[in-house]
Each structure stands twice: as structure tokens, then as C-alpha cells.
């Protein structure tokens, strides 16, 4: 009898250790994401600093005021900011335990993100068609690098989000998928903040 109780207590202790180990593992992953986000802040900070230094280096060629069509950029900005709002609605559905609602709002967020990318690629194609490419001048090199890096991050976020939706459909809302949704939402908000700076520094200041 004593032996049975001892075994039961041992199993209970093992379960507790496994739970703590899983919890610690999740915290390490969240910490790793914050480190990644810090490196991204440094990356974009460097790109912004480079752009500001080169913003007048057009080599006598086309200037941003000549080439940038602001209405399309405003539309892109509205779309991306709306996607940030819908990602917040996805979090609300997750906290309610509504898997279907969570996936639904993630789909809306992904569609808005894809629309933003479409408009950005269309802008790049238009600029290249007009004879402005990454080698035209130092300014346009900095422009394509900064805006393109943000677009690449949005693309990564979309692929990440699609993979997460597939996982949610298979597993539902679990501590692991909940952590992943929180992280992708934070990442998406970060990209929106970066875009606000891009919109202000690159586009608004460029046409003023």
C-alpha cells in the first residue's frame, strides 16, 4: 500500500516537472522572439539612417517628388493599418476560445497583407517601367532596400500566418498555438509601426 502511494506521489511529481519544463520551454521561445525583434529594430534603424543620409543623392536623376504617386501609398497604408486591427480581433476570438473566429480573422488579416504586397509590387514595377531602378542613384538604392526589406518581412509574416492557420485547424487552441498567435500578432503590429515610419520618412518627406 505504501509502495503504491509512493509510486503515485512520484508520478505526480514527474507530471509537475514535465509541466514546468514545458512552461519554461515556451518562455524561452518567447524570449527568443523578443531577441529577434530587437535585431529587427536595429536592422530597420540602420536602413532608415542610411536612407536619411542618402535622401538627396539622386545624381541629377528622378527625384521622389517626380516619381512617387501618393494616393496609392495612402491606400496601401490604410490596408496595412486595417490588417493590424483585424489581427487584434483575431486575438479577441482566441481569448474567447473561438477557433473558427480566430482563423476567420487571421484569413482577413492575411488577405489584407497580400493586398498590401500586391500594391507594393505594382509600385515597384511602375517605377522600373519609368526607368527608375535600384541602380539609378544612391537615393533609389536606399529606397528599394528599405521598402523592399519591409515588404520581405510582410511576406514572411504571411507565410508564417498561413502555416499557423493550418496548425490551428488541426490542433485548435492550445498553449502552444496560443503562444504562436500572440507572437505573430506582435510581429504584425511591429511591421505596421515600421511602415508608419516608412510612410512618413520615405513618402511624405519625399514629396514635400
Protein backbone atom coordinates (compact mmCIF):
# COMPACT_ATOMS: atom_id res chain seq x y z
CA UNK A 1 0.00 0.00 0.00
CA UNK A 2 2.82 2.34 1.00
CA UNK A 3 4.64 1.37 -2.18
CA UNK A 4 1.55 2.29 -4.26
CA UNK A 5 1.24 5.67 -2.58
CA UNK A 6 4.91 6.33 -3.15
CA UNK A 7 4.56 5.49 -6.83
CA UNK A 8 1.53 7.75 -7.17
CA UNK A 9 3.35 10.59 -5.50
CA UNK A 10 6.34 10.02 -7.76
CA UNK A 11 4.16 10.13 -10.88
CA UNK A 12 2.52 13.32 -9.66
CA UNK A 13 5.93 14.87 -9.12
CA UNK A 14 7.00 13.81 -12.63
CA UNK A 15 3.90 15.36 -14.16
CA UNK A 16 4.58 18.59 -12.31
CA UNK A 17 8.16 18.61 -13.55
CA UNK A 18 7.01 17.99 -17.13
CA UNK A 19 4.52 20.85 -16.88
CA UNK A 20 7.18 23.21 -15.53
CA UNK A 21 9.60 22.07 -18.22
CA UNK A 22 7.03 22.76 -20.95
CA UNK A 23 6.27 26.16 -19.45
CA UNK A 24 9.97 27.04 -19.34
CA UNK A 25 10.37 25.88 -22.94
CA UNK A 26 7.55 28.20 -24.06
CA UNK A 27 9.09 31.13 -22.17
CA UNK A 28 12.45 30.50 -23.87
CA UNK A 29 10.75 30.64 -27.28
CA UNK A 30 9.02 33.91 -26.42
CA UNK A 31 12.34 35.33 -25.19
CA UNK A 32 13.96 34.21 -28.44
CA UNK A 33 11.32 36.08 -30.42
CA UNK A 34 11.99 39.27 -28.44
CA UNK A 35 15.69 38.93 -29.28
CA UNK A 36 14.75 38.55 -32.95
CA UNK A 37 12.55 41.66 -32.72
CA UNK A 38 15.42 43.65 -31.18
CA UNK A 39 17.72 42.67 -34.06
CA UNK A 40 14.98 43.74 -36.49
CA UNK A 41 14.73 47.12 -34.77
CA UNK A 42 18.49 47.52 -35.24
CA UNK A 43 18.22 46.44 -38.88
CA UNK A 44 15.47 48.91 -39.73
CA UNK A 45 17.16 51.64 -37.69
CA UNK A 46 20.28 51.18 -39.82
CA UNK A 47 18.27 51.24 -43.05
CA UNK A 48 16.41 54.39 -42.01
CA UNK A 49 19.67 56.11 -41.04
CA UNK A 50 21.19 55.16 -44.42
CA UNK A 51 18.13 56.42 -46.27
CA UNK A 52 18.18 59.77 -44.46
CA UNK A 53 21.86 60.25 -45.28
CA UNK A 54 21.27 59.44 -48.98
CA UNK A 55 17.88 61.12 -49.42
CA UNK A 56 19.35 63.97 -51.53
CA UNK A 57 21.73 61.78 -53.54
CA UNK A 58 19.70 61.47 -56.73
CA UNK A 59 22.72 62.06 -59.03
CA UNK A 60 20.73 64.59 -61.01
CA UNK A 61 18.16 61.94 -61.91
CA UNK A 62 14.49 61.48 -60.99
CA UNK A 63 13.51 62.65 -57.52
CA UNK A 64 10.86 61.04 -55.30
CA UNK A 65 8.62 64.04 -55.93
CA UNK A 66 8.72 63.22 -59.64
CA UNK A 67 8.02 59.50 -59.32
CA UNK A 68 6.02 58.73 -56.17
CA UNK A 69 2.24 58.56 -56.53
CA UNK A 70 0.98 59.32 -53.04
CA UNK A 71 -2.70 58.21 -53.41
CA UNK A 72 -1.65 54.59 -53.97
CA UNK A 73 0.69 54.74 -50.97
CA UNK A 74 -2.10 56.13 -48.79
CA UNK A 75 -4.30 53.21 -49.88
CA UNK A 76 -1.52 50.75 -49.00
CA UNK A 77 -1.12 52.37 -45.59
CA UNK A 78 -4.84 52.16 -44.87
CA UNK A 79 -4.89 48.48 -45.86
CA UNK A 80 -1.92 47.58 -43.64
CA UNK A 81 -3.26 49.50 -40.64
CA UNK A 82 -6.62 47.79 -41.08
CA UNK A 83 -4.84 44.42 -41.06
CA UNK A 84 -3.35 45.35 -37.69
CA UNK A 85 -6.87 45.94 -36.38
CA UNK A 86 -8.13 42.60 -37.72
CA UNK A 87 -5.17 40.78 -36.14
CA UNK A 88 -6.31 42.30 -32.84
CA UNK A 89 -9.81 40.93 -33.45
CA UNK A 90 -8.23 37.51 -34.03
CA UNK A 91 -6.64 37.73 -30.58
CA UNK A 92 -10.01 38.57 -29.04
CA UNK A 93 -11.54 35.46 -30.62
CA UNK A 94 -8.64 33.35 -29.34
CA UNK A 95 -9.14 34.63 -25.79
CA UNK A 96 -12.82 33.63 -26.10
CA UNK A 97 -11.76 30.14 -27.17
CA UNK A 98 -13.37 30.56 -30.60
CA UNK A 99 -11.08 28.71 -33.00
CA UNK A 100 -13.29 29.32 -36.03
CA UNK A 101 -13.46 33.05 -35.34
CA UNK A 102 -9.71 33.18 -34.75
CA UNK A 103 -8.95 31.51 -38.08
CA UNK A 104 -11.51 33.71 -39.82
CA UNK A 105 -9.90 36.95 -38.70
CA UNK A 106 -6.43 35.61 -39.47
CA UNK A 107 -7.65 34.91 -43.01
CA UNK A 108 -8.90 38.50 -43.30
CA UNK A 109 -5.56 39.77 -41.95
CA UNK A 110 -3.64 37.64 -44.45
CA UNK A 111 -5.79 38.85 -47.36
CA UNK A 112 -5.19 42.47 -46.38
CA UNK A 113 -1.47 41.78 -46.07
CA UNK A 114 -1.45 40.17 -49.52
CA UNK A 115 -3.29 43.21 -50.93
CA UNK A 116 -0.63 45.47 -49.42
CA UNK A 117 2.12 43.39 -51.05
CA UNK A 118 0.33 43.47 -54.40
CA UNK A 119 0.21 47.28 -54.32
CA UNK A 120 3.87 47.46 -53.32
CA UNK A 121 4.98 45.15 -56.13
CA UNK A 122 2.81 47.16 -58.54
CA UNK A 123 4.56 50.34 -57.39
CA UNK A 124 8.00 48.79 -57.95
CA UNK A 125 7.01 47.59 -61.43
CA UNK A 126 5.73 51.06 -62.29
CA UNK A 127 8.96 52.70 -61.11
CA UNK A 128 11.13 50.26 -63.08
CA UNK A 129 8.94 50.80 -66.14
CA UNK A 130 9.54 54.54 -65.79
CA UNK A 131 13.29 53.90 -65.76
CA UNK A 132 13.92 54.09 -62.01
CA UNK A 133 15.59 51.01 -60.56
CA UNK A 134 17.85 50.15 -57.65
CA UNK A 135 20.93 51.26 -59.60
CA UNK A 136 19.63 54.62 -60.77
CA UNK A 137 21.15 56.55 -57.87
CA UNK A 138 22.13 56.21 -54.21
CA UNK A 139 18.71 57.53 -53.20
CA UNK A 140 16.83 54.88 -55.16
CA UNK A 141 19.17 52.17 -53.89
CA UNK A 142 18.30 53.18 -50.32
CA UNK A 143 14.61 53.44 -51.26
CA UNK A 144 14.34 49.95 -52.76
CA UNK A 145 16.38 48.42 -49.94
CA UNK A 146 14.32 49.95 -47.12
CA UNK A 147 10.87 49.50 -48.65
CA UNK A 148 11.77 46.08 -50.08
CA UNK A 149 13.07 44.84 -46.72
CA UNK A 150 9.77 45.78 -45.11
CA UNK A 151 7.90 44.01 -47.93
CA UNK A 152 10.05 40.92 -47.42
CA UNK A 153 9.12 40.93 -43.72
CA UNK A 154 5.43 41.16 -44.64
CA UNK A 155 5.88 38.18 -46.98
CA UNK A 156 7.50 36.16 -44.18
CA UNK A 157 4.62 37.14 -41.88
CA UNK A 158 2.06 35.93 -44.43
CA UNK A 159 3.75 32.55 -44.87
CA UNK A 160 4.03 32.26 -41.09
CA UNK A 161 0.35 33.16 -40.66
CA UNK A 162 -0.81 30.62 -43.25
CA UNK A 163 1.20 27.88 -41.58
CA UNK A 164 -0.28 28.85 -38.21
CA UNK A 165 -3.82 28.72 -39.59
CA UNK A 166 -3.20 25.18 -40.84
CA UNK A 167 -1.92 24.23 -37.39
CA UNK A 168 -4.91 25.83 -35.68
CA UNK A 169 -7.29 23.91 -37.93
CA UNK A 170 -5.59 20.63 -36.96
CA UNK A 171 -4.92 21.20 -33.25
CA UNK A 172 -7.25 24.02 -32.19
CA UNK A 173 -6.34 26.50 -29.46
CA UNK A 174 -3.64 25.03 -27.23
CA UNK A 175 -0.96 26.70 -25.07
CA UNK A 176 1.47 26.26 -27.97
CA UNK A 177 -0.79 27.67 -30.70
CA UNK A 178 -1.87 30.46 -28.36
CA UNK A 179 1.76 31.47 -27.89
CA UNK A 180 2.28 31.40 -31.66
CA UNK A 181 -0.78 33.58 -32.31
CA UNK A 182 0.40 36.12 -29.72
CA UNK A 183 3.83 36.22 -31.36
CA UNK A 184 2.57 36.61 -34.94
CA UNK A 185 0.22 39.37 -33.78
CA UNK A 186 3.08 41.20 -32.09
CA UNK A 187 5.22 40.76 -35.21
CA UNK A 188 2.43 42.12 -37.41
CA UNK A 189 1.94 45.18 -35.18
CA UNK A 190 5.70 45.76 -35.34
CA UNK A 191 5.57 45.79 -39.14
CA UNK A 192 2.74 48.33 -39.01
CA UNK A 193 4.79 50.62 -36.78
CA UNK A 194 7.76 50.31 -39.14
CA UNK A 195 5.50 51.13 -42.09
CA UNK A 196 4.26 54.30 -40.40
CA UNK A 197 7.88 55.46 -40.26
CA UNK A 198 8.40 54.39 -43.89
CA UNK A 199 5.29 56.28 -44.95
CA UNK A 200 6.39 59.40 -43.08
CA UNK A 201 10.13 59.44 -43.81
CA UNK A 202 10.21 57.94 -47.31
CA UNK A 203 6.95 59.01 -48.91
CA UNK A 204 5.61 62.13 -47.17
CA UNK A 205 9.02 63.76 -46.78
CA UNK A 206 9.89 62.64 -50.30
CA UNK A 207 7.06 64.56 -51.97
CA UNK A 208 7.28 67.65 -49.75
